[in-house]
Amino acid sequence: VGFYSSVAIGADGNPVISHFNGTGSDLELYVCADAACTSGTNQTLEENGDVGRWTSVAIGADGNPIISHRDGTNDDLELYVCADAACTSGTNQTLETGGSVGWWTSIAIGADGNPIISHRDSTNNDLELYVCEDAACTSGTNRTLETGDRVGYYTSVAIGADGNPIISHRDEDNDDLELYVCADATCT
């Protein structure tokens, strides 16, 4: 357990940690019972196929964890939306299916309260960004941001002071650290 871990601080001030269980190839979440995480509960969220790689967790506008991850069985970008702060239940949804996508996911909550997820399209060697149209990400748009060379490795997304996404990533061909700065909140 513990592969590809990501941590966020819940509305209660306690950490939640998404991670991949390599034995079962599952997406899991450890929900801490206190701020120091001296105890807590580990839960399996998704176990259909090889899921949960490259997890990234954020706290949604509703105060509940939301976790991006890769479905390795189907080569898809997926998102697990928790129904409550302790994530005792939730819904896993497939966001992007075009090619071998969802590598090195990173999630942030945009200024509008909707999730955005950076990831790599391994089929086309591109840096991509999935922009959710609502807080539960029931629909959205996948955007190709950077093409040429083998880009989009090890993505990390944050929201800048202007409310626009900023994505760091690696250009594998040139051995470079790169930064993609979006011109607006949805990176159009």
N, C-alpha and C. Protein backbone atom coordinates (compact mmCIF):
# COMPACT_ATOMS: atom_id res chain seq x y z
N VAL A 1 0.84 -1.20 0.00
CA VAL A 1 0.00 0.00 0.00
C VAL A 1 0.87 1.25 0.00
N GLY A 2 0.23 2.39 -0.25
CA GLY A 2 0.93 3.66 -0.17
C GLY A 2 1.57 4.16 -1.44
N PHE A 3 1.40 3.45 -2.54
CA PHE A 3 1.96 3.94 -3.80
C PHE A 3 1.19 5.18 -4.26
N TYR A 4 1.90 6.11 -4.91
CA TYR A 4 1.30 7.30 -5.53
C TYR A 4 0.41 8.07 -4.56
N SER A 5 0.87 8.27 -3.34
CA SER A 5 0.05 8.92 -2.32
C SER A 5 -0.09 10.42 -2.56
N SER A 6 -1.20 10.95 -2.07
CA SER A 6 -1.49 12.38 -2.13
C SER A 6 -2.28 12.72 -0.88
N VAL A 7 -2.01 13.91 -0.30
CA VAL A 7 -2.67 14.29 0.95
C VAL A 7 -3.37 15.63 0.79
N ALA A 8 -4.49 15.78 1.47
CA ALA A 8 -5.21 17.05 1.57
C ALA A 8 -5.74 17.15 2.99
N ILE A 9 -6.05 18.36 3.41
CA ILE A 9 -6.60 18.59 4.74
C ILE A 9 -8.10 18.80 4.60
N GLY A 10 -8.85 17.94 5.29
CA GLY A 10 -10.31 17.99 5.23
C GLY A 10 -10.87 19.22 5.93
N ALA A 11 -12.16 19.45 5.75
CA ALA A 11 -12.84 20.58 6.38
C ALA A 11 -12.76 20.51 7.90
N ASP A 12 -12.58 19.30 8.45
CA ASP A 12 -12.46 19.12 9.90
C ASP A 12 -11.04 19.34 10.41
N GLY A 13 -10.12 19.65 9.50
CA GLY A 13 -8.72 19.87 9.88
C GLY A 13 -7.88 18.62 9.90
N ASN A 14 -8.48 17.48 9.56
CA ASN A 14 -7.76 16.20 9.58
C ASN A 14 -7.31 15.81 8.18
N PRO A 15 -6.14 15.20 8.05
CA PRO A 15 -5.66 14.77 6.74
C PRO A 15 -6.48 13.61 6.16
N VAL A 16 -6.56 13.60 4.85
CA VAL A 16 -7.04 12.45 4.08
C VAL A 16 -5.95 12.13 3.06
N ILE A 17 -5.68 10.84 2.88
CA ILE A 17 -4.56 10.42 2.03
C ILE A 17 -5.05 9.40 1.01
N SER A 18 -4.99 9.77 -0.27
CA SER A 18 -5.31 8.81 -1.32
C SER A 18 -4.04 8.05 -1.67
N HIS A 19 -4.19 6.78 -2.03
CA HIS A 19 -3.05 5.96 -2.40
C HIS A 19 -3.50 4.74 -3.18
N PHE A 20 -2.52 4.08 -3.78
CA PHE A 20 -2.74 2.89 -4.60
C PHE A 20 -2.28 1.67 -3.82
N ASN A 21 -3.13 0.65 -3.75
CA ASN A 21 -2.79 -0.63 -3.14
C ASN A 21 -2.29 -1.54 -4.26
N GLY A 22 -0.98 -1.77 -4.29
CA GLY A 22 -0.38 -2.56 -5.36
C GLY A 22 -0.76 -4.03 -5.34
N THR A 23 -1.12 -4.55 -4.18
CA THR A 23 -1.50 -5.96 -4.10
C THR A 23 -2.82 -6.21 -4.81
N GLY A 24 -3.81 -5.37 -4.53
CA GLY A 24 -5.12 -5.55 -5.15
C GLY A 24 -5.36 -4.67 -6.36
N SER A 25 -4.39 -3.78 -6.67
CA SER A 25 -4.53 -2.79 -7.75
C SER A 25 -5.78 -1.95 -7.54
N ASP A 26 -5.92 -1.41 -6.31
CA ASP A 26 -7.11 -0.67 -5.92
C ASP A 26 -6.79 0.77 -5.55
N LEU A 27 -7.79 1.65 -5.69
CA LEU A 27 -7.73 3.01 -5.19
C LEU A 27 -8.21 2.98 -3.74
N GLU A 28 -7.40 3.55 -2.84
CA GLU A 28 -7.76 3.57 -1.43
C GLU A 28 -7.62 4.97 -0.86
N LEU A 29 -8.30 5.20 0.27
CA LEU A 29 -8.24 6.49 0.97
C LEU A 29 -8.12 6.23 2.46
N TYR A 30 -7.10 6.86 3.07
CA TYR A 30 -6.94 6.79 4.52
C TYR A 30 -7.49 8.09 5.09
N VAL A 31 -8.49 7.98 5.96
CA VAL A 31 -9.13 9.13 6.58
C VAL A 31 -8.67 9.21 8.03
N CYS A 32 -7.91 10.25 8.35
CA CYS A 32 -7.36 10.41 9.69
C CYS A 32 -8.45 10.85 10.67
N ALA A 33 -8.35 10.35 11.89
CA ALA A 33 -9.34 10.67 12.94
C ALA A 33 -9.00 11.93 13.71
N ASP A 34 -7.77 12.42 13.56
CA ASP A 34 -7.37 13.65 14.23
C ASP A 34 -6.30 14.34 13.38
N ALA A 35 -5.95 15.56 13.76
CA ALA A 35 -5.03 16.37 12.96
C ALA A 35 -3.63 15.76 12.86
N ALA A 36 -3.21 15.02 13.87
CA ALA A 36 -1.90 14.38 13.86
C ALA A 36 -1.94 12.99 13.23
N CYS A 37 -3.12 12.54 12.89
CA CYS A 37 -3.34 11.24 12.25
C CYS A 37 -2.79 10.09 13.10
N THR A 38 -3.06 10.14 14.41
CA THR A 38 -2.63 9.05 15.29
C THR A 38 -3.49 7.81 15.09
N SER A 39 -4.66 7.99 14.46
CA SER A 39 -5.51 6.85 14.11
C SER A 39 -6.39 7.28 12.93
N GLY A 40 -7.03 6.29 12.35
CA GLY A 40 -7.89 6.58 11.21
C GLY A 40 -8.42 5.31 10.60
N THR A 41 -9.04 5.48 9.44
CA THR A 41 -9.66 4.35 8.76
C THR A 41 -9.21 4.32 7.31
N ASN A 42 -8.77 3.16 6.84
CA ASN A 42 -8.42 2.98 5.44
C ASN A 42 -9.60 2.35 4.72
N GLN A 43 -9.93 2.89 3.56
CA GLN A 43 -11.08 2.40 2.81
C GLN A 43 -10.70 2.13 1.36
N THR A 44 -11.19 1.05 0.82
CA THR A 44 -11.04 0.78 -0.60
C THR A 44 -12.19 1.48 -1.32
N LEU A 45 -11.84 2.35 -2.25
CA LEU A 45 -12.86 3.13 -2.96
C LEU A 45 -13.24 2.51 -4.29
N GLU A 46 -12.24 2.06 -5.03
CA GLU A 46 -12.48 1.51 -6.36
C GLU A 46 -11.58 0.31 -6.55
N GLU A 47 -12.16 -0.82 -7.01
CA GLU A 47 -11.38 -2.05 -7.16
C GLU A 47 -11.70 -2.80 -8.44
N ASN A 48 -12.33 -2.14 -9.39
CA ASN A 48 -12.67 -2.78 -10.67
C ASN A 48 -11.53 -2.64 -11.65
N GLY A 49 -10.68 -3.64 -11.73
CA GLY A 49 -9.52 -3.62 -12.62
C GLY A 49 -8.31 -3.02 -11.93
N ASP A 50 -7.37 -2.58 -12.73
CA ASP A 50 -6.13 -1.96 -12.25
C ASP A 50 -6.39 -0.46 -12.15
N VAL A 51 -6.86 -0.01 -11.00
CA VAL A 51 -7.27 1.39 -10.81
C VAL A 51 -6.50 2.03 -9.66
N GLY A 52 -6.48 3.36 -9.63
CA GLY A 52 -5.90 4.06 -8.51
C GLY A 52 -4.46 4.50 -8.66
N ARG A 53 -3.88 4.30 -9.82
CA ARG A 53 -2.50 4.77 -10.00
C ARG A 53 -2.49 6.29 -10.13
N TRP A 54 -1.40 6.91 -9.69
CA TRP A 54 -1.18 8.35 -9.78
C TRP A 54 -2.35 9.13 -9.20
N THR A 55 -2.70 8.79 -7.97
CA THR A 55 -3.80 9.48 -7.29
C THR A 55 -3.43 10.92 -6.95
N SER A 56 -4.45 11.73 -6.87
CA SER A 56 -4.32 13.09 -6.38
C SER A 56 -5.63 13.45 -5.70
N VAL A 57 -5.56 13.95 -4.46
CA VAL A 57 -6.77 14.24 -3.70
C VAL A 57 -6.86 15.73 -3.41
N ALA A 58 -8.07 16.25 -3.46
CA ALA A 58 -8.38 17.63 -3.07
C ALA A 58 -9.68 17.60 -2.29
N ILE A 59 -9.96 18.68 -1.62
CA ILE A 59 -11.24 18.81 -0.91
C ILE A 59 -12.15 19.67 -1.77
N GLY A 60 -13.29 19.11 -2.16
CA GLY A 60 -14.23 19.80 -3.02
C GLY A 60 -14.92 20.96 -2.33
N ALA A 61 -15.66 21.73 -3.09
CA ALA A 61 -16.39 22.89 -2.56
C ALA A 61 -17.39 22.47 -1.49
N ASP A 62 -17.85 21.21 -1.54
CA ASP A 62 -18.80 20.70 -0.55
C ASP A 62 -18.12 20.17 0.72
N GLY A 63 -16.78 20.22 0.76
CA GLY A 63 -16.03 19.75 1.92
C GLY A 63 -15.68 18.28 1.86
N ASN A 64 -16.02 17.61 0.77
CA ASN A 64 -15.77 16.18 0.63
C ASN A 64 -14.54 15.93 -0.26
N PRO A 65 -13.78 14.86 0.02
CA PRO A 65 -12.64 14.54 -0.83
C PRO A 65 -13.07 14.17 -2.25
N ILE A 66 -12.21 14.51 -3.18
CA ILE A 66 -12.40 14.16 -4.59
C ILE A 66 -11.03 13.71 -5.10
N ILE A 67 -10.97 12.55 -5.75
CA ILE A 67 -9.69 11.92 -6.07
C ILE A 67 -9.59 11.59 -7.55
N SER A 68 -8.58 12.15 -8.21
CA SER A 68 -8.29 11.78 -9.59
C SER A 68 -7.34 10.59 -9.57
N HIS A 69 -7.45 9.74 -10.60
CA HIS A 69 -6.58 8.58 -10.69
C HIS A 69 -6.66 7.98 -12.09
N ARG A 70 -5.79 7.04 -12.36
CA ARG A 70 -5.74 6.39 -13.67
C ARG A 70 -6.29 4.98 -13.58
N ASP A 71 -7.13 4.64 -14.55
CA ASP A 71 -7.61 3.27 -14.73
C ASP A 71 -6.66 2.62 -15.73
N GLY A 72 -5.74 1.81 -15.23
CA GLY A 72 -4.75 1.16 -16.09
C GLY A 72 -5.32 0.06 -16.95
N THR A 73 -6.43 -0.53 -16.53
CA THR A 73 -7.06 -1.58 -17.33
C THR A 73 -7.62 -1.01 -18.63
N ASN A 74 -8.26 0.15 -18.53
CA ASN A 74 -8.91 0.75 -19.70
C ASN A 74 -8.17 1.97 -20.25
N ASP A 75 -7.03 2.32 -19.66
CA ASP A 75 -6.24 3.48 -20.09
C ASP A 75 -7.01 4.78 -20.01
N ASP A 76 -7.79 4.98 -18.93
CA ASP A 76 -8.66 6.14 -18.80
C ASP A 76 -8.28 7.02 -17.61
N LEU A 77 -8.69 8.29 -17.70
CA LEU A 77 -8.64 9.21 -16.57
C LEU A 77 -9.95 9.07 -15.82
N GLU A 78 -9.87 8.84 -14.50
CA GLU A 78 -11.08 8.66 -13.70
C GLU A 78 -11.06 9.58 -12.48
N LEU A 79 -12.24 9.75 -11.89
CA LEU A 79 -12.41 10.61 -10.74
C LEU A 79 -13.35 9.95 -9.76
N TYR A 80 -12.92 9.87 -8.50
CA TYR A 80 -13.78 9.35 -7.44
C TYR A 80 -14.29 10.53 -6.64
N VAL A 81 -15.61 10.69 -6.57
CA VAL A 81 -16.25 11.80 -5.87
C VAL A 81 -16.89 11.24 -4.60
N CYS A 82 -16.35 11.63 -3.44
CA CYS A 82 -16.87 11.16 -2.16
C CYS A 82 -18.21 11.83 -1.85
N ALA A 83 -19.12 11.06 -1.25
CA ALA A 83 -20.45 11.55 -0.92
C ALA A 83 -20.50 12.25 0.43
N ASP A 84 -19.45 12.08 1.24
CA ASP A 84 -19.39 12.73 2.55
C ASP A 84 -17.93 12.95 2.92
N ALA A 85 -17.70 13.69 3.98
CA ALA A 85 -16.34 14.08 4.37
C ALA A 85 -15.46 12.88 4.72
N ALA A 86 -16.05 11.81 5.24
CA ALA A 86 -15.29 10.60 5.59
C ALA A 86 -15.20 9.62 4.43
N CYS A 87 -15.85 9.96 3.31
CA CYS A 87 -15.83 9.14 2.10
C CYS A 87 -16.30 7.71 2.36
N THR A 88 -17.39 7.57 3.14
CA THR A 88 -17.95 6.25 3.40
C THR A 88 -18.65 5.70 2.16
N SER A 89 -18.95 6.57 1.23
CA SER A 89 -19.50 6.15 -0.06
C SER A 89 -19.17 7.23 -1.08
N GLY A 90 -19.37 6.90 -2.33
CA GLY A 90 -19.08 7.85 -3.40
C GLY A 90 -19.30 7.22 -4.75
N THR A 91 -18.89 7.96 -5.78
CA THR A 91 -19.10 7.52 -7.16
C THR A 91 -17.80 7.65 -7.94
N ASN A 92 -17.44 6.61 -8.65
CA ASN A 92 -16.30 6.66 -9.55
C ASN A 92 -16.80 6.91 -10.96
N GLN A 93 -16.18 7.86 -11.63
CA GLN A 93 -16.61 8.16 -12.99
C GLN A 93 -15.42 8.26 -13.94
N THR A 94 -15.66 7.85 -15.15
CA THR A 94 -14.65 7.94 -16.20
C THR A 94 -14.78 9.30 -16.86
N LEU A 95 -13.67 10.04 -16.94
CA LEU A 95 -13.69 11.38 -17.52
C LEU A 95 -13.18 11.42 -18.95
N GLU A 96 -12.04 10.79 -19.20
CA GLU A 96 -11.42 10.87 -20.52
C GLU A 96 -10.98 9.48 -20.95
N THR A 97 -11.30 9.12 -22.20
CA THR A 97 -11.02 7.78 -22.70
C THR A 97 -10.21 7.77 -23.99
N GLY A 98 -9.88 8.94 -24.53
CA GLY A 98 -9.20 9.01 -25.83
C GLY A 98 -7.74 8.67 -25.77
N GLY A 99 -7.38 7.41 -26.02
CA GLY A 99 -6.00 6.96 -25.97
C GLY A 99 -5.61 6.50 -24.58
N SER A 100 -4.32 6.44 -24.35
CA SER A 100 -3.79 6.04 -23.04
C SER A 100 -3.59 7.31 -22.21
N VAL A 101 -4.62 7.69 -21.46
CA VAL A 101 -4.63 8.96 -20.74
C VAL A 101 -4.66 8.74 -19.23
N GLY A 102 -4.56 9.83 -18.48
CA GLY A 102 -4.65 9.75 -17.03
C GLY A 102 -3.34 9.49 -16.33
N TRP A 103 -2.23 9.61 -17.02
CA TRP A 103 -0.92 9.40 -16.40
C TRP A 103 -0.58 10.62 -15.54
N TRP A 104 -0.05 10.40 -14.35
CA TRP A 104 0.44 11.44 -13.44
C TRP A 104 -0.61 12.51 -13.20
N THR A 105 -1.77 12.11 -12.73
CA THR A 105 -2.84 13.07 -12.48
C THR A 105 -2.51 13.99 -11.32
N SER A 106 -3.08 15.19 -11.40
CA SER A 106 -3.01 16.15 -10.30
C SER A 106 -4.32 16.94 -10.33
N ILE A 107 -4.93 17.13 -9.17
CA ILE A 107 -6.24 17.78 -9.10
C ILE A 107 -6.17 19.04 -8.23
N ALA A 108 -6.92 20.04 -8.63
CA ALA A 108 -7.09 21.26 -7.84
C ALA A 108 -8.53 21.70 -8.00
N ILE A 109 -8.98 22.52 -7.07
CA ILE A 109 -10.33 23.07 -7.15
C ILE A 109 -10.21 24.49 -7.69
N GLY A 110 -10.86 24.74 -8.82
CA GLY A 110 -10.79 26.04 -9.46
C GLY A 110 -11.49 27.13 -8.66
N ALA A 111 -11.31 28.37 -9.08
CA ALA A 111 -11.92 29.52 -8.41
C ALA A 111 -13.45 29.42 -8.44
N ASP A 112 -14.00 28.70 -9.42
CA ASP A 112 -15.45 28.51 -9.53
C ASP A 112 -15.96 27.35 -8.68
N GLY A 113 -15.06 26.67 -7.96
CA GLY A 113 -15.44 25.53 -7.13
C GLY A 113 -15.44 24.20 -7.86
N ASN A 114 -15.08 24.21 -9.13
CA ASN A 114 -15.08 22.99 -9.93
C ASN A 114 -13.67 22.41 -10.04
N PRO A 115 -13.54 21.09 -10.01
CA PRO A 115 -12.23 20.47 -10.13
C PRO A 115 -11.61 20.66 -11.52
N ILE A 116 -10.30 20.72 -11.53
CA ILE A 116 -9.52 20.66 -12.77
C ILE A 116 -8.43 19.63 -12.54
N ILE A 117 -8.11 18.86 -13.58
CA ILE A 117 -7.18 17.75 -13.43
C ILE A 117 -6.16 17.78 -14.56
N SER A 118 -4.89 17.94 -14.21
CA SER A 118 -3.84 17.82 -15.21
C SER A 118 -3.44 16.35 -15.31
N HIS A 119 -3.05 15.94 -16.51
CA HIS A 119 -2.63 14.55 -16.73
C HIS A 119 -1.88 14.46 -18.04
N ARG A 120 -1.28 13.31 -18.28
CA ARG A 120 -0.53 13.08 -19.51
C ARG A 120 -1.28 12.11 -20.41
N ASP A 121 -1.32 12.46 -21.70
CA ASP A 121 -1.82 11.57 -22.74
C ASP A 121 -0.60 10.86 -23.31
N SER A 122 -0.42 9.61 -22.93
CA SER A 122 0.76 8.85 -23.35
C SER A 122 0.69 8.43 -24.82
N THR A 123 -0.50 8.30 -25.37
CA THR A 123 -0.64 7.94 -26.78
C THR A 123 -0.06 9.03 -27.68
N ASN A 124 -0.39 10.29 -27.35
CA ASN A 124 0.03 11.42 -28.18
C ASN A 124 1.19 12.22 -27.60
N ASN A 125 1.69 11.80 -26.42
CA ASN A 125 2.80 12.49 -25.75
C ASN A 125 2.47 13.93 -25.41
N ASP A 126 1.24 14.18 -24.93
CA ASP A 126 0.75 15.53 -24.68
C ASP A 126 0.49 15.79 -23.20
N LEU A 127 0.58 17.07 -22.83
CA LEU A 127 0.09 17.55 -21.55
C LEU A 127 -1.36 17.94 -21.74
N GLU A 128 -2.24 17.42 -20.89
CA GLU A 128 -3.67 17.70 -21.02
C GLU A 128 -4.26 18.17 -19.70
N LEU A 129 -5.42 18.84 -19.79
CA LEU A 129 -6.12 19.35 -18.62
C LEU A 129 -7.61 19.05 -18.80
N TYR A 130 -8.19 18.39 -17.80
CA TYR A 130 -9.62 18.13 -17.81
C TYR A 130 -10.27 19.19 -16.92
N VAL A 131 -11.20 19.94 -17.51
CA VAL A 131 -11.88 21.03 -16.81
C VAL A 131 -13.32 20.61 -16.55
N CYS A 132 -13.67 20.43 -15.27
CA CYS A 132 -15.02 20.01 -14.90
C CYS A 132 -15.98 21.19 -15.00
N GLU A 133 -17.22 20.90 -15.39
CA GLU A 133 -18.23 21.95 -15.56
C GLU A 133 -19.09 22.16 -14.32
N ASP A 134 -18.94 21.28 -13.32
CA ASP A 134 -19.66 21.45 -12.06
C ASP A 134 -18.83 20.82 -10.95
N ALA A 135 -19.23 21.05 -9.71
CA ALA A 135 -18.44 20.61 -8.56
C ALA A 135 -18.30 19.09 -8.46
N ALA A 136 -19.30 18.34 -8.96
CA ALA A 136 -19.24 16.88 -8.92
C ALA A 136 -18.62 16.31 -10.20
N CYS A 137 -18.27 17.19 -11.14
CA CYS A 137 -17.62 16.80 -12.40
C CYS A 137 -18.46 15.79 -13.19
N THR A 138 -19.77 16.04 -13.25
CA THR A 138 -20.64 15.15 -14.04
C THR A 138 -20.42 15.34 -15.53
N SER A 139 -19.81 16.46 -15.90
CA SER A 139 -19.41 16.68 -17.30
C SER A 139 -18.23 17.63 -17.30
N GLY A 140 -17.55 17.69 -18.43
CA GLY A 140 -16.39 18.56 -18.53
C GLY A 140 -15.76 18.46 -19.90
N THR A 141 -14.64 19.14 -20.05
CA THR A 141 -13.94 19.21 -21.32
C THR A 141 -12.48 18.89 -21.12
N ASN A 142 -11.94 18.00 -21.94
CA ASN A 142 -10.52 17.69 -21.91
C ASN A 142 -9.81 18.57 -22.92
N ARG A 143 -8.75 19.24 -22.50
CA ARG A 143 -8.01 20.14 -23.38
C ARG A 143 -6.55 19.69 -23.51
N THR A 144 -6.05 19.71 -24.74
CA THR A 144 -4.64 19.47 -24.98
C THR A 144 -3.93 20.80 -24.85
N LEU A 145 -2.95 20.87 -23.96
CA LEU A 145 -2.25 22.12 -23.69
C LEU A 145 -0.91 22.22 -24.40
N GLU A 146 -0.14 21.15 -24.36
CA GLU A 146 1.21 21.18 -24.90
C GLU A 146 1.44 19.92 -25.71
N THR A 147 1.95 20.09 -26.93
CA THR A 147 2.25 18.97 -27.82
C THR A 147 3.69 19.11 -28.30
N GLY A 148 4.12 18.14 -29.06
CA GLY A 148 5.50 18.17 -29.54
C GLY A 148 6.41 17.65 -28.45
N ASP A 149 7.41 16.92 -28.83
CA ASP A 149 8.28 16.25 -27.87
C ASP A 149 7.43 15.34 -26.97
N ARG A 150 8.04 14.74 -26.00
CA ARG A 150 7.32 13.92 -25.03
C ARG A 150 7.17 14.75 -23.76
N VAL A 151 6.00 15.40 -23.64
CA VAL A 151 5.75 16.33 -22.54
C VAL A 151 4.66 15.78 -21.63
N GLY A 152 4.42 16.48 -20.51
CA GLY A 152 3.33 16.11 -19.61
C GLY A 152 3.68 15.09 -18.56
N TYR A 153 4.94 14.79 -18.38
CA TYR A 153 5.34 13.85 -17.33
C TYR A 153 5.24 14.51 -15.96
N TYR A 154 4.80 13.75 -14.95
CA TYR A 154 4.80 14.17 -13.54
C TYR A 154 4.08 15.51 -13.33
N THR A 155 2.87 15.64 -13.85
CA THR A 155 2.14 16.90 -13.79
C THR A 155 1.77 17.28 -12.36
N SER A 156 1.66 18.59 -12.14
CA SER A 156 1.15 19.13 -10.89
C SER A 156 0.41 20.42 -11.22
N VAL A 157 -0.83 20.54 -10.75
CA VAL A 157 -1.64 21.72 -11.06
C VAL A 157 -1.97 22.48 -9.78
N ALA A 158 -1.99 23.80 -9.91
CA ALA A 158 -2.40 24.70 -8.82
C ALA A 158 -3.17 25.85 -9.44
N ILE A 159 -3.88 26.58 -8.60
CA ILE A 159 -4.62 27.75 -9.06
C ILE A 159 -3.82 28.98 -8.68
N GLY A 160 -3.51 29.82 -9.67
CA GLY A 160 -2.72 31.02 -9.44
C GLY A 160 -3.54 32.10 -8.74
N ALA A 161 -2.86 33.16 -8.33
CA ALA A 161 -3.50 34.28 -7.65
C ALA A 161 -4.58 34.92 -8.52
N ASP A 162 -4.45 34.80 -9.84
CA ASP A 162 -5.45 35.36 -10.77
C ASP A 162 -6.63 34.41 -11.00
N GLY A 163 -6.62 33.24 -10.35
CA GLY A 163 -7.69 32.26 -10.51
C GLY A 163 -7.51 31.31 -11.67
N ASN A 164 -6.39 31.41 -12.36
CA ASN A 164 -6.12 30.57 -13.53
C ASN A 164 -5.20 29.40 -13.18
N PRO A 165 -5.43 28.24 -13.79
CA PRO A 165 -4.57 27.09 -13.54
C PRO A 165 -3.14 27.31 -14.03
N ILE A 166 -2.20 26.73 -13.28
CA ILE A 166 -0.79 26.70 -13.64
C ILE A 166 -0.36 25.25 -13.49
N ILE A 167 0.29 24.70 -14.51
CA ILE A 167 0.65 23.28 -14.51
C ILE A 167 2.15 23.12 -14.73
N SER A 168 2.82 22.48 -13.78
CA SER A 168 4.22 22.12 -13.99
C SER A 168 4.27 20.70 -14.54
N HIS A 169 5.30 20.44 -15.34
CA HIS A 169 5.47 19.10 -15.93
C HIS A 169 6.89 18.97 -16.47
N ARG A 170 7.23 17.76 -16.84
CA ARG A 170 8.56 17.48 -17.39
C ARG A 170 8.49 17.23 -18.89
N ASP A 171 9.41 17.85 -19.62
CA ASP A 171 9.64 17.57 -21.04
C ASP A 171 10.72 16.49 -21.08
N GLU A 172 10.31 15.29 -21.36
CA GLU A 172 11.21 14.13 -21.32
C GLU A 172 12.28 14.19 -22.40
N ASP A 173 11.94 14.67 -23.59
CA ASP A 173 12.91 14.70 -24.69
C ASP A 173 14.05 15.68 -24.43
N ASN A 174 13.74 16.81 -23.80
CA ASN A 174 14.75 17.84 -23.58
C ASN A 174 15.27 17.88 -22.15
N ASP A 175 14.79 16.95 -21.30
CA ASP A 175 15.20 16.90 -19.89
C ASP A 175 14.95 18.23 -19.19
N ASP A 176 13.78 18.83 -19.46
CA ASP A 176 13.47 20.16 -18.93
C ASP A 176 12.27 20.13 -18.00
N LEU A 177 12.31 21.03 -17.03
CA LEU A 177 11.15 21.36 -16.21
C LEU A 177 10.40 22.46 -16.95
N GLU A 178 9.10 22.28 -17.15
CA GLU A 178 8.32 23.28 -17.88
C GLU A 178 7.10 23.69 -17.06
N LEU A 179 6.58 24.87 -17.37
CA LEU A 179 5.41 25.41 -16.70
C LEU A 179 4.44 25.93 -17.76
N TYR A 180 3.20 25.44 -17.65
CA TYR A 180 2.15 25.93 -18.55
C TYR A 180 1.25 26.85 -17.74
N VAL A 181 1.14 28.10 -18.18
CA VAL A 181 0.33 29.11 -17.49
C VAL A 181 -0.90 29.39 -18.32
N CYS A 182 -2.07 29.05 -17.77
CA CYS A 182 -3.33 29.27 -18.49
C CYS A 182 -3.69 30.75 -18.50
N ALA A 183 -4.26 31.19 -19.61
CA ALA A 183 -4.63 32.61 -19.78
C ALA A 183 -5.99 32.93 -19.15
N ASP A 184 -6.78 31.89 -18.83
CA ASP A 184 -8.08 32.11 -18.19
C ASP A 184 -8.38 30.92 -17.28
N ALA A 185 -9.51 31.00 -16.58
CA ALA A 185 -9.83 30.01 -15.55
C ALA A 185 -10.10 28.61 -16.10
N THR A 186 -10.50 28.51 -17.37
CA THR A 186 -10.78 27.20 -17.96
C THR A 186 -9.72 26.79 -18.98
N CYS A 187 -8.67 27.59 -19.09
CA CYS A 187 -7.52 27.26 -19.93
C CYS A 187 -7.91 27.06 -21.40
N THR A 188 -8.77 27.93 -21.91
CA THR A 188 -9.19 27.83 -23.33
C THR A 188 -8.16 28.40 -24.26
